[in-house]
């Protein structure tokens, strides 16, 4: 198991928030990210999600800040041999954040 630095963990958390927000509109992107088998596939899917985030901003007043995903790509390149750990951490944060979005919507908060 890789011991990530605190700033790397924060980037993964922020990336998960971005992914959760995009998944609220395009849930299939989250599934496709989970199915990636290599760091290169993971980065390619992150690029697709960044493009989706931009399209969300064009369709509504919601703006999605994508810098955490760019920072995440740097972390993946640094820890390429352990990208699967990064993927798991980011997906946990993403599903948590997506759940919070859905929950707050049903609660009317």
Protein backbone atom coordinates (compact mmCIF):
# COMPACT_ATOMS: atom_id res chain seq x y z
CA UNK A 1 0.00 0.00 0.00
CA UNK A 2 1.30 3.41 -0.99
CA UNK A 3 1.68 6.07 1.67
CA UNK A 4 0.31 9.16 -0.06
CA UNK A 5 1.23 12.67 1.05
CA UNK A 6 -1.46 14.81 2.68
CA UNK A 7 -1.74 17.13 -0.35
CA UNK A 8 -2.15 14.10 -2.64
CA UNK A 9 -4.98 12.79 -0.45
CA UNK A 10 -6.61 16.21 -0.55
CA UNK A 11 -6.35 16.23 -4.35
CA UNK A 12 -7.96 12.79 -4.51
CA UNK A 13 -10.77 13.98 -2.26
CA UNK A 14 -11.34 17.09 -4.37
CA UNK A 15 -11.23 14.98 -7.53
CA UNK A 16 -13.85 12.69 -6.04
CA UNK A 17 -16.08 15.71 -5.47
CA UNK A 18 -15.71 16.76 -9.10
CA UNK A 19 -16.40 13.21 -10.29
CA UNK A 20 -19.46 12.97 -8.05
CA UNK A 21 -20.84 16.20 -9.46
CA UNK A 22 -20.29 15.04 -13.04
CA UNK A 23 -21.74 11.60 -12.21
CA UNK A 24 -24.90 13.31 -11.02
CA UNK A 25 -25.46 14.18 -14.69
CA UNK A 26 -23.55 11.31 -16.37
CA UNK A 27 -23.46 8.26 -14.08
CA UNK A 28 -22.07 6.03 -16.84
CA UNK A 29 -18.79 7.98 -16.72
CA UNK A 30 -18.26 6.80 -13.15
CA UNK A 31 -18.81 3.18 -14.18
CA UNK A 32 -16.44 3.56 -17.11
CA UNK A 33 -13.80 5.01 -14.81
CA UNK A 34 -14.18 2.01 -12.52
CA UNK A 35 -13.69 -0.39 -15.44
CA UNK A 36 -10.31 1.05 -16.46
CA UNK A 37 -7.47 -1.47 -16.28
CA UNK A 38 -4.41 0.72 -16.81
CA UNK A 39 -3.23 4.15 -15.79
CA UNK A 40 -3.46 5.26 -19.42
CA UNK A 41 -7.12 4.19 -19.67
CA UNK A 42 -7.82 5.94 -16.38
CA UNK A 43 -6.27 9.20 -17.61
CA UNK A 44 -8.17 8.95 -20.89
CA UNK A 45 -11.45 8.56 -19.02
CA UNK A 46 -10.55 11.51 -16.77
CA UNK A 47 -10.11 13.58 -19.93
CA UNK A 48 -13.59 12.57 -21.07
CA UNK A 49 -15.01 13.50 -17.69
CA UNK A 50 -13.31 16.92 -17.87
CA UNK A 51 -15.07 17.50 -21.18
CA UNK A 52 -18.38 16.46 -19.62
CA UNK A 53 -17.78 18.91 -16.79
CA UNK A 54 -17.36 21.70 -19.29
CA UNK A 55 -20.58 20.71 -21.04
CA UNK A 56 -22.44 20.79 -17.70
CA UNK A 57 -21.32 24.41 -17.26
CA UNK A 58 -22.60 25.28 -20.72
CA UNK A 59 -26.01 23.66 -20.17
CA UNK A 60 -26.76 25.16 -16.77
CA UNK A 61 -25.63 27.72 -14.27
CA UNK A 62 -23.58 25.04 -12.51
CA UNK A 63 -19.86 25.42 -12.99
CA UNK A 64 -17.61 22.47 -12.37
CA UNK A 65 -14.05 23.25 -11.32
CA UNK A 66 -11.82 20.70 -13.05
CA UNK A 67 -8.35 21.64 -11.74
CA UNK A 68 -8.41 18.79 -9.18
CA UNK A 69 -8.66 16.32 -12.07
CA UNK A 70 -5.58 17.84 -13.71
CA UNK A 71 -3.75 17.57 -10.38
CA UNK A 72 -4.94 13.98 -10.09
CA UNK A 73 -3.33 13.17 -13.44
CA UNK A 74 -0.01 14.37 -12.02
CA UNK A 75 -0.42 12.04 -9.05
CA UNK A 76 -1.27 9.13 -11.33
CA UNK A 77 1.83 9.77 -13.40
CA UNK A 78 3.92 9.91 -10.23
CA UNK A 79 2.46 6.65 -8.84
CA UNK A 80 1.66 4.90 -12.12
CA UNK A 81 2.40 1.42 -10.79
CA UNK A 82 -0.18 1.95 -8.02
CA UNK A 83 -2.86 3.68 -10.04
CA UNK A 84 -5.45 1.10 -8.91
CA UNK A 85 -5.13 2.34 -5.31
CA UNK A 86 -5.64 5.90 -6.51
CA UNK A 87 -8.65 4.79 -8.54
CA UNK A 88 -10.21 3.07 -5.53
CA UNK A 89 -9.70 6.08 -3.26
CA UNK A 90 -11.08 8.53 -5.81
CA UNK A 91 -14.10 6.33 -6.55
CA UNK A 92 -14.94 6.06 -2.85
CA UNK A 93 -14.91 9.85 -2.54
CA UNK A 94 -16.90 10.20 -5.79
CA UNK A 95 -19.65 7.81 -4.71
CA UNK A 96 -19.80 9.41 -1.28
CA UNK A 97 -20.18 12.86 -2.81
CA UNK A 98 -22.74 11.63 -5.37
CA UNK A 99 -24.72 10.08 -2.53
CA UNK A 100 -24.62 13.37 -0.64
CA UNK A 101 -25.92 15.22 -3.70
CA UNK A 102 -28.78 12.75 -4.17
CA UNK A 103 -29.59 12.74 -0.45
CA UNK A 104 -29.69 16.52 -0.18
CA UNK A 105 -31.94 16.68 -3.23
CA UNK A 106 -34.45 14.26 -1.68
CA UNK A 107 -34.33 16.06 1.66
CA UNK A 108 -35.00 19.42 0.02
CA UNK A 109 -31.93 21.01 1.66
